[in-house]
Amino acid sequence: MATHNELGKWGEATAEQLLRDKGYTIVERDWHSGHRDIDIIARTPDNATLVFVEVKTRTNDDITTPFDAVDLKKIRHIAKSANHYVKMHDIDDMLRFDIVAIVGGPKGIKKIEHMEDAFRPLLAIR
């Protein structure tokens, strides 16, 4: 496996643990819809909201932050995948789109940030 893929898988596992520690229930991890994927699908601690989480991991943030990698194209892909998931599972709950940004690697986390309600995909689809 390529180094960047290993870093990404480590980042997803780290984000999953962060969410579990905050009381979230993990529903799916690395869920695919065709060529698109959603890193983590979780339920909020009160079980009222289904959360689609994009995880971005970087070894450093000297040039750009992990948040910068979630551009309009990525938001569109997440929105289409989430729409497919919602229809497939007949979801009628509140939805939210979060980002977990991690700077570091398996030898240590320099920074981790969970941004709730990070973007509104309906605005990106138009």
Protein backbone atom coordinates (compact mmCIF):
# COMPACT_ATOMS: atom_id res chain seq x y z
CA MET A 1 0.00 0.00 0.00
CA ALA A 2 1.30 3.47 -0.85
CA THR A 3 2.47 5.65 2.02
CA HIS A 4 -0.31 8.22 1.48
CA ASN A 5 -2.92 5.43 1.59
CA GLU A 6 -1.46 4.15 4.86
CA LEU A 7 -1.54 7.67 6.29
CA GLY A 8 -5.17 8.04 5.19
CA LYS A 9 -6.23 4.76 6.81
CA TRP A 10 -4.42 5.73 10.01
CA GLY A 11 -6.18 9.11 9.92
CA GLU A 12 -9.59 7.49 9.51
CA ALA A 13 -8.93 5.16 12.46
CA THR A 14 -7.77 8.13 14.55
CA ALA A 15 -10.85 10.17 13.59
CA GLU A 16 -13.10 7.22 14.38
CA GLN A 17 -11.61 6.96 17.87
CA LEU A 18 -12.01 10.72 18.40
CA LEU A 19 -15.69 10.49 17.48
CA ARG A 20 -16.23 7.43 19.70
CA ASP A 21 -14.58 9.28 22.58
CA LYS A 22 -17.06 12.13 22.03
CA GLY A 23 -19.98 9.69 22.24
CA TYR A 24 -20.72 9.21 18.54
CA THR A 25 -21.83 5.83 17.23
CA ILE A 26 -20.00 4.74 14.09
CA VAL A 27 -22.45 3.44 11.49
CA GLU A 28 -20.10 2.94 8.52
CA ARG A 29 -16.46 3.50 7.68
CA ASP A 30 -15.08 3.91 4.15
CA TRP A 31 -18.55 3.53 2.61
CA HIS A 32 -18.48 3.46 -1.20
CA SER A 33 -20.96 4.66 -3.78
CA GLY A 34 -19.38 3.78 -7.10
CA HIS A 35 -16.00 5.50 -7.26
CA ARG A 36 -16.89 7.92 -4.47
CA ASP A 37 -16.62 7.25 -0.76
CA ILE A 38 -17.55 8.66 2.59
CA ASP A 39 -14.87 8.21 5.22
CA ILE A 40 -17.12 7.88 8.26
CA ILE A 41 -20.89 7.86 8.77
CA ALA A 42 -21.84 8.30 12.41
CA ARG A 43 -24.70 9.20 14.71
CA THR A 44 -24.47 12.03 17.20
CA PRO A 45 -24.47 11.13 20.90
CA ASP A 46 -28.19 11.98 21.13
CA ASN A 47 -28.87 9.76 18.06
CA ALA A 48 -30.83 12.60 16.42
CA THR A 49 -28.44 13.38 13.57
CA LEU A 50 -26.67 11.31 10.95
CA VAL A 51 -23.22 12.77 10.30
CA PHE A 52 -21.13 12.32 7.16
CA VAL A 53 -17.50 12.87 8.11
CA GLU A 54 -14.66 13.68 5.73
CA VAL A 55 -11.26 12.91 7.24
CA LYS A 56 -8.21 14.77 5.97
CA THR A 57 -4.77 13.80 7.22
CA ARG A 58 -1.51 15.56 6.46
CA THR A 59 1.96 15.00 7.86
CA ASN A 60 2.33 18.77 8.21
CA ASP A 61 0.37 21.93 7.48
CA ASP A 62 3.29 24.14 6.42
CA ILE A 63 1.81 24.92 2.99
CA THR A 64 -1.90 24.09 3.29
CA THR A 65 -4.16 22.84 6.04
CA PRO A 66 -6.14 19.60 5.80
CA PHE A 67 -9.30 21.71 5.62
CA ASP A 68 -8.04 23.27 2.36
CA ALA A 69 -8.27 19.84 0.70
CA VAL A 70 -12.05 19.80 1.07
CA ASP A 71 -12.79 21.85 -2.02
CA LEU A 72 -15.98 22.32 -4.01
CA LYS A 73 -15.34 19.21 -6.11
CA LYS A 74 -14.85 17.07 -2.98
CA ILE A 75 -17.99 18.52 -1.39
CA ARG A 76 -19.99 17.60 -4.52
CA HIS A 77 -18.71 14.03 -4.37
CA ILE A 78 -19.59 13.75 -0.68
CA ALA A 79 -23.04 15.22 -1.33
CA LYS A 80 -23.79 12.73 -4.12
CA SER A 81 -22.59 9.81 -2.01
CA ALA A 82 -24.58 10.98 1.01
CA ASN A 83 -27.68 11.38 -1.13
CA HIS A 84 -27.25 7.81 -2.38
CA TYR A 85 -26.79 6.53 1.18
CA VAL A 86 -29.86 8.40 2.47
CA LYS A 87 -32.07 7.06 -0.33
CA MET A 88 -30.69 3.51 -0.05
CA HIS A 89 -31.38 3.37 3.70
CA ASP A 90 -34.57 5.49 3.65
CA ILE A 91 -33.10 7.96 6.16
CA ASP A 92 -35.42 10.68 7.40
CA ASP A 93 -33.18 12.12 10.12
CA MET A 94 -31.32 15.38 10.42
CA LEU A 95 -28.09 15.33 8.40
CA ARG A 96 -24.79 17.06 9.01
CA PHE A 97 -21.45 17.23 7.23
CA ASP A 98 -18.31 17.39 9.37
CA ILE A 99 -14.57 17.39 8.75
CA VAL A 100 -11.92 15.89 10.97
CA ALA A 101 -8.51 17.38 10.15
CA ILE A 102 -5.40 15.66 11.43
CA VAL A 103 -1.81 16.82 11.22
CA GLY A 104 0.71 14.15 12.14
CA GLY A 105 1.10 10.45 11.64
CA PRO A 106 1.34 7.09 13.38
CA LYS A 107 4.33 8.35 15.39
CA GLY A 108 2.34 11.22 16.85
CA ILE A 109 -0.52 13.65 16.38
CA LYS A 110 0.52 17.28 16.11
CA LYS A 111 -3.01 18.60 15.79
CA ILE A 112 -6.53 17.17 15.46
CA GLU A 113 -9.65 19.22 14.94
CA HIS A 114 -13.29 18.20 14.52
CA MET A 115 -15.25 20.85 12.65
CA GLU A 116 -18.97 20.20 13.06
CA ASP A 117 -21.35 21.38 10.33
CA ALA A 118 -18.30 22.21 8.18
CA PHE A 119 -20.18 22.68 4.92
CA ARG A 120 -23.62 22.71 3.36
CA PRO A 121 -23.57 20.51 0.25
CA LEU A 122 -26.83 21.82 -1.21
CA LEU A 123 -25.04 25.07 -1.92
CA ALA A 124 -22.23 23.19 -3.69
CA ILE A 125 -24.45 21.13 -6.00
CA ARG A 126 -25.99 24.07 -7.79
